[in-house]
């Protein structure tokens, strides 16, 4: 999803928040976000990809609202992705990371 049109970052002591406009439909962004999710005996997990490497442990999905919200817990942090449609081909992605 190259070609990000706009981004904004905010940081506080307990949380970081980044908002970006992505020139893709919300369904495309959602599919890219959940492509590494899987259902296991431990529940729904999301394998996070950082710098082309998969995390050693998968993140436990704690909240899931199709096409709108994905939240998971990983390494003592709560990670949250919110998707807001701006128009047919633009999505606002808001990523928040909080210490849990």
Protein backbone atom coordinates (compact mmCIF):
# COMPACT_ATOMS: atom_id res chain seq x y z
CA UNK A 1 0.00 0.00 0.00
CA UNK A 2 2.53 2.53 -1.13
CA UNK A 3 1.66 6.10 -1.92
CA UNK A 4 0.34 7.31 1.41
CA UNK A 5 -1.28 10.66 0.85
CA UNK A 6 -1.11 12.11 4.34
CA UNK A 7 -0.12 11.15 7.87
CA UNK A 8 -0.18 12.59 11.35
CA UNK A 9 1.49 11.26 14.50
CA UNK A 10 0.78 11.98 18.16
CA UNK A 11 2.63 10.62 21.19
CA UNK A 12 1.99 10.74 24.93
CA UNK A 13 3.64 8.88 27.80
CA UNK A 14 1.27 5.93 27.58
CA UNK A 15 0.19 5.92 23.92
CA UNK A 16 1.27 6.62 20.36
CA UNK A 17 -1.23 7.38 17.61
CA UNK A 18 -0.68 7.63 13.87
CA UNK A 19 -3.37 8.59 11.36
CA UNK A 20 -2.86 8.13 7.61
CA UNK A 21 -4.92 8.57 4.48
CA UNK A 22 -4.43 5.55 2.25
CA UNK A 23 -5.49 5.73 -1.41
CA UNK A 24 -7.29 2.39 -1.32
CA UNK A 25 -10.84 1.24 -0.62
CA UNK A 26 -11.52 0.23 2.98
CA UNK A 27 -12.04 -3.44 1.99
CA UNK A 28 -8.54 -3.58 0.42
CA UNK A 29 -6.93 -2.06 3.52
CA UNK A 30 -8.87 -4.47 5.77
CA UNK A 31 -7.77 -7.50 3.74
CA UNK A 32 -4.12 -6.42 3.97
CA UNK A 33 -4.50 -5.93 7.72
CA UNK A 34 -6.01 -9.34 8.49
CA UNK A 35 -4.17 -11.47 5.93
CA UNK A 36 -1.98 -13.02 8.65
CA UNK A 37 -4.81 -13.71 11.14
CA UNK A 38 -5.59 -17.28 12.11
CA UNK A 39 -7.90 -19.18 14.43
CA UNK A 40 -6.07 -21.50 16.86
CA UNK A 41 -6.83 -23.42 20.03
CA UNK A 42 -5.69 -20.28 21.91
CA UNK A 43 -8.23 -18.11 20.05
CA UNK A 44 -7.84 -15.67 17.18
CA UNK A 45 -4.25 -14.59 16.59
CA UNK A 46 -2.59 -12.06 14.33
CA UNK A 47 0.96 -12.65 13.16
CA UNK A 48 2.55 -9.22 12.91
CA UNK A 49 5.09 -8.54 10.17
CA UNK A 50 7.77 -6.03 11.06
CA UNK A 51 10.60 -5.20 8.66
CA UNK A 52 9.83 -8.28 6.56
CA UNK A 53 10.12 -10.58 9.60
CA UNK A 54 7.31 -12.29 11.48
CA UNK A 55 7.18 -11.60 15.23
CA UNK A 56 8.31 -14.47 17.43
CA UNK A 57 4.89 -14.57 19.06
CA UNK A 58 1.51 -13.87 17.54
CA UNK A 59 -0.71 -11.14 18.96
CA UNK A 60 -3.96 -12.18 20.66
CA UNK A 61 -6.93 -10.51 18.93
CA UNK A 62 -9.09 -8.89 21.62
CA UNK A 63 -11.59 -6.95 19.49
CA UNK A 64 -12.72 -7.34 15.89
CA UNK A 65 -15.34 -5.34 13.96
CA UNK A 66 -15.27 -6.25 10.26
CA UNK A 67 -13.96 -3.44 8.03
CA UNK A 68 -13.79 -1.02 10.98
CA UNK A 69 -11.67 -2.10 13.95
CA UNK A 70 -8.97 -4.61 14.87
CA UNK A 71 -7.42 -4.66 18.32
CA UNK A 72 -4.85 -7.06 19.70
CA UNK A 73 -2.52 -7.55 22.65
CA UNK A 74 1.18 -8.20 22.01
CA UNK A 75 4.25 -8.03 24.26
CA UNK A 76 2.50 -5.94 26.95
CA UNK A 77 1.00 -3.49 24.47
CA UNK A 78 -2.49 -2.95 23.12
CA UNK A 79 -2.42 -2.36 19.35
CA UNK A 80 -5.48 -0.92 17.61
CA UNK A 81 -6.24 -0.25 13.93
CA UNK A 82 -9.35 1.77 13.02
CA UNK A 83 -10.50 2.19 9.41
CA UNK A 84 -12.68 5.09 8.32
CA UNK A 85 -13.82 5.45 4.70
CA UNK A 86 -13.20 8.93 3.28
CA UNK A 87 -14.59 8.19 -0.15
CA UNK A 88 -14.87 5.14 -2.41
CA UNK A 89 -11.09 4.82 -2.87
CA UNK A 90 -9.60 6.48 0.21
CA UNK A 91 -9.40 5.14 3.76
CA UNK A 92 -8.23 6.85 6.92
CA UNK A 93 -6.20 4.40 9.02
CA UNK A 94 -5.69 5.25 12.68
CA UNK A 95 -3.14 3.11 14.51
CA UNK A 96 -2.82 3.37 18.31
CA UNK A 97 -0.28 1.63 20.53
CA UNK A 98 -0.79 1.73 24.30
CA UNK A 99 1.03 0.17 27.21
CA UNK A 100 -1.36 -2.30 28.80
